[in-house]
C-alpha atoms as a PDB file:
ATOM      1  CA  MET A   1       8.646  -8.270  20.482  1.00  0.00           C
ATOM      2  CA  LYS A   2      12.033  -7.975  18.682  1.00  0.00           C
ATOM      3  CA  TRP A   3      13.149  -4.650  16.988  1.00  0.00           C
ATOM      4  CA  ASP A   4      14.773  -6.358  14.208  1.00  0.00           C
ATOM      5  CA  GLY A   5      11.410  -8.126  12.951  1.00  0.00           C
ATOM      6  CA  VAL A   6       9.581  -4.695  13.398  1.00  0.00           C
ATOM      7  CA  ILE A   7      12.120  -2.732  11.471  1.00  0.00           C
ATOM      8  CA  ALA A   8      12.047  -5.476   8.591  1.00  0.00           C
ATOM      9  CA  GLY A   9       8.223  -5.170   8.476  1.00  0.00           C
ATOM     10  CA  LEU A  10       8.274  -1.637   8.568  1.00  0.00           C
ATOM     11  CA  ILE A  11      10.556  -1.587   5.607  1.00  0.00           C
ATOM     12  CA  VAL A  12       8.388  -3.969   3.562  1.00  0.00           C
ATOM     13  CA  ALA A  13       5.304  -2.215   4.132  1.00  0.00           C
ATOM     14  CA  GLY A  14       6.930   1.075   3.706  1.00  0.00           C
ATOM     15  CA  ILE A  15       8.075   0.070   0.306  1.00  0.00           C
ATOM     16  CA  ASN A  16       4.713  -1.218  -0.382  1.00  0.00           C
ATOM     17  CA  GLY A  17       3.052   2.032   0.462  1.00  0.00           C
ATOM     18  CA  ALA A  18       5.401   4.072  -1.726  1.00  0.00           C
ATOM     19  CA  ILE A  19       4.569   1.910  -4.605  1.00  0.00           C
ATOM     20  CA  ALA A  20       0.844   2.123  -4.018  1.00  0.00           C
ATOM     21  CA  LEU A  21       1.161   6.179  -3.739  1.00  0.00           C
ATOM     22  CA  ALA A  22       2.983   6.252  -6.985  1.00  0.00           C
ATOM     23  CA  ALA A  23       0.414   3.965  -8.690  1.00  0.00           C
ATOM     24  CA  VAL A  24      -2.564   5.642  -7.308  1.00  0.00           C
ATOM     25  CA  HIS A  25      -1.169   9.015  -8.184  1.00  0.00           C
ATOM     26  CA  TRP A  26      -0.296   7.953 -11.701  1.00  0.00           C
ATOM     27  CA  GLY A  27      -3.656   6.510 -12.312  1.00  0.00           C
ATOM     28  CA  LEU A  28      -5.559   9.328 -11.045  1.00  0.00           C
ATOM     29  CA  ARG A  29      -4.281  11.165 -13.773  1.00  0.00           C
ATOM     30  CA  LYS A  30      -5.004   8.882 -16.483  1.00  0.00           C
ATOM     31  CA  GLY A  31      -8.778   8.581 -16.036  1.00  0.00           C
ATOM     32  CA  MET A  32     -11.084   6.465 -14.267  1.00  0.00           C
ATOM     33  CA  GLN A  33     -10.512   3.096 -16.247  1.00  0.00           C
ATOM     34  CA  VAL A  34      -6.849   3.298 -15.824  1.00  0.00           C
ATOM     35  CA  PHE A  35      -7.247   4.270 -12.362  1.00  0.00           C
ATOM     36  CA  MET A  36      -9.250   1.140 -11.328  1.00  0.00           C
ATOM     37  CA  ILE A  37      -6.827  -1.193 -13.193  1.00  0.00           C
ATOM     38  CA  ALA A  38      -3.816   0.530 -11.470  1.00  0.00           C
ATOM     39  CA  PHE A  39      -5.771   0.347  -8.098  1.00  0.00           C
ATOM     40  CA  PHE A  40      -7.135  -3.039  -7.967  1.00  0.00           C
ATOM     41  CA  GLY A  41      -4.452  -4.757 -10.259  1.00  0.00           C
ATOM     42  CA  GLY A  42      -1.875  -2.894  -8.337  1.00  0.00           C
ATOM     43  CA  MET A  43      -3.392  -3.897  -5.058  1.00  0.00           C
ATOM     44  CA  THR A  44      -3.118  -7.556  -6.064  1.00  0.00           C
ATOM     45  CA  LEU A  45       0.282  -7.364  -7.505  1.00  0.00           C
ATOM     46  CA  ARG A  46       1.509  -5.559  -4.536  1.00  0.00           C
ATOM     47  CA  LEU A  47       0.021  -8.243  -2.095  1.00  0.00           C
ATOM     48  CA  MET A  48       1.770 -11.123  -4.005  1.00  0.00           C
ATOM     49  CA  LEU A  49       5.140  -8.931  -3.813  1.00  0.00           C
ATOM     50  CA  VAL A  50       4.810  -8.492  -0.082  1.00  0.00           C
ATOM     51  CA  ALA A  51       3.945 -12.428   0.220  1.00  0.00           C
ATOM     52  CA  VAL A  52       7.101 -13.184  -1.776  1.00  0.00           C
ATOM     53  CA  ALA A  53       9.380 -10.471   0.260  1.00  0.00           C
ATOM     54  CA  SER A  54       7.882 -11.941   3.473  1.00  0.00           C
ATOM     55  CA  VAL A  55       9.029 -15.450   2.685  1.00  0.00           C
ATOM     56  CA  VAL A  56      12.535 -14.352   1.609  1.00  0.00           C
ATOM     57  CA  VAL A  57      12.890 -12.167   4.643  1.00  0.00           C
ATOM     58  CA  LEU A  58      11.633 -14.905   6.902  1.00  0.00           C
ATOM     59  CA  LYS A  59      13.839 -17.604   5.274  1.00  0.00           C
ATOM     60  CA  LEU A  60      16.935 -15.811   4.479  1.00  0.00           C
ATOM     61  CA  THR A  61      17.339 -13.604   7.814  1.00  0.00           C
ATOM     62  CA  THR A  62      17.024 -14.148  11.545  1.00  0.00           C
ATOM     63  CA  VAL A  63      14.424 -11.808  12.175  1.00  0.00           C
ATOM     64  CA  HIS A  64      11.860 -12.423  14.746  1.00  0.00           C
ATOM     65  CA  PRO A  65       8.956 -13.986  12.919  1.00  0.00           C
ATOM     66  CA  ALA A  66       6.111 -12.625  15.120  1.00  0.00           C
ATOM     67  CA  SER A  67       7.465  -9.193  15.383  1.00  0.00           C
ATOM     68  CA  TYR A  68       7.829  -9.027  11.483  1.00  0.00           C
ATOM     69  CA  THR A  69       4.367 -10.273  10.880  1.00  0.00           C
ATOM     70  CA  VAL A  70       2.655  -8.081  13.474  1.00  0.00           C
ATOM     71  CA  ALA A  71       4.435  -5.061  12.324  1.00  0.00           C
ATOM     72  CA  LEU A  72       3.911  -5.804   8.409  1.00  0.00           C
ATOM     73  CA  VAL A  73       0.136  -6.391   9.074  1.00  0.00           C
ATOM     74  CA  VAL A  74      -0.438  -3.280  11.186  1.00  0.00           C
ATOM     75  CA  CYS A  75       1.435  -1.142   8.656  1.00  0.00           C
ATOM     76  CA  TYR A  76       0.106  -2.671   5.580  1.00  0.00           C
ATOM     77  CA  LEU A  77      -3.449  -1.897   6.802  1.00  0.00           C
ATOM     78  CA  LEU A  78      -2.260   1.643   7.999  1.00  0.00           C
ATOM     79  CA  PHE A  79      -1.117   2.339   4.565  1.00  0.00           C
ATOM     80  CA  LEU A  80      -3.960   0.759   2.707  1.00  0.00           C
ATOM     81  CA  LEU A  81      -6.251   2.897   4.732  1.00  0.00           C
ATOM     82  CA  LEU A  82      -4.109   6.059   3.741  1.00  0.00           C
ATOM     83  CA  GLU A  83      -4.193   5.044   0.176  1.00  0.00           C
ATOM     84  CA  VAL A  84      -7.908   4.871   0.097  1.00  0.00           C
ATOM     85  CA  LEU A  85      -8.404   8.262   2.113  1.00  0.00           C
ATOM     86  CA  TYR A  86      -5.852   9.723  -0.472  1.00  0.00           C
ATOM     87  CA  VAL A  87      -8.166   8.614  -3.433  1.00  0.00           C
ATOM     88  CA  LEU A  88     -11.374   9.975  -1.577  1.00  0.00           C
ATOM     89  CA  LYS A  89      -9.854  13.289  -0.974  1.00  0.00           C
ATOM     90  CA  ASN A  90      -8.408  13.575  -4.568  1.00  0.00           C
ATOM     91  CA  LYS A  91     -11.797  12.811  -5.798  1.00  0.00           C
ATOM     92  CA  ALA A  92     -13.616  15.123  -3.604  1.00  0.00           C
ATOM     93  CA  GLU A  93     -11.389  17.795  -4.668  1.00  0.00           C
ATOM     94  CA  LYS A  94     -12.236  17.277  -8.356  1.00  0.00           C
ATOM     95  CA  MET A  95     -15.967  17.378  -7.608  1.00  0.00           C
ATOM     96  CA  SER A  96     -17.693  20.944  -8.011  1.00  0.00           C
ATOM     97  CA  PRO A  97     -19.762  22.286  -5.011  1.00  0.00           C
ATOM     98  CA  GLU A  98     -23.155  20.903  -6.702  1.00  0.00           C
ATOM     99  CA  GLY A  99     -21.436  17.298  -6.901  1.00  0.00           C
ATOM    100  CA  ASN A 100     -20.789  17.329 -10.537  1.00  0.00           C
ATOM    101  CA  PRO A 101     -17.386  16.713 -12.077  1.00  0.00           C
ATOM    102  CA  GLU A 102     -15.796  20.048 -13.259  1.00  0.00           C
END
């Protein structure tokens, strides 16, 4: 495992996670339909951007490919889990104790 690949994977996944958090936060304030478009459409767009960024990083730099791939996949999945947990927590806070929206 080479640290240059791990750091590059963390950077790409971190940028992706930051964009995801911003999109989800924005979408939750706009209503369910806009949120669903931002969440699923954003997930698709971000996955394509990560793929393009990965090709660029692996072709134009000397990072260790296996280290980069492992770090990227682990961090991508971790950030995706955090994104889903954030959404669930936010939706639970908006529900009244009886389970009805406020």
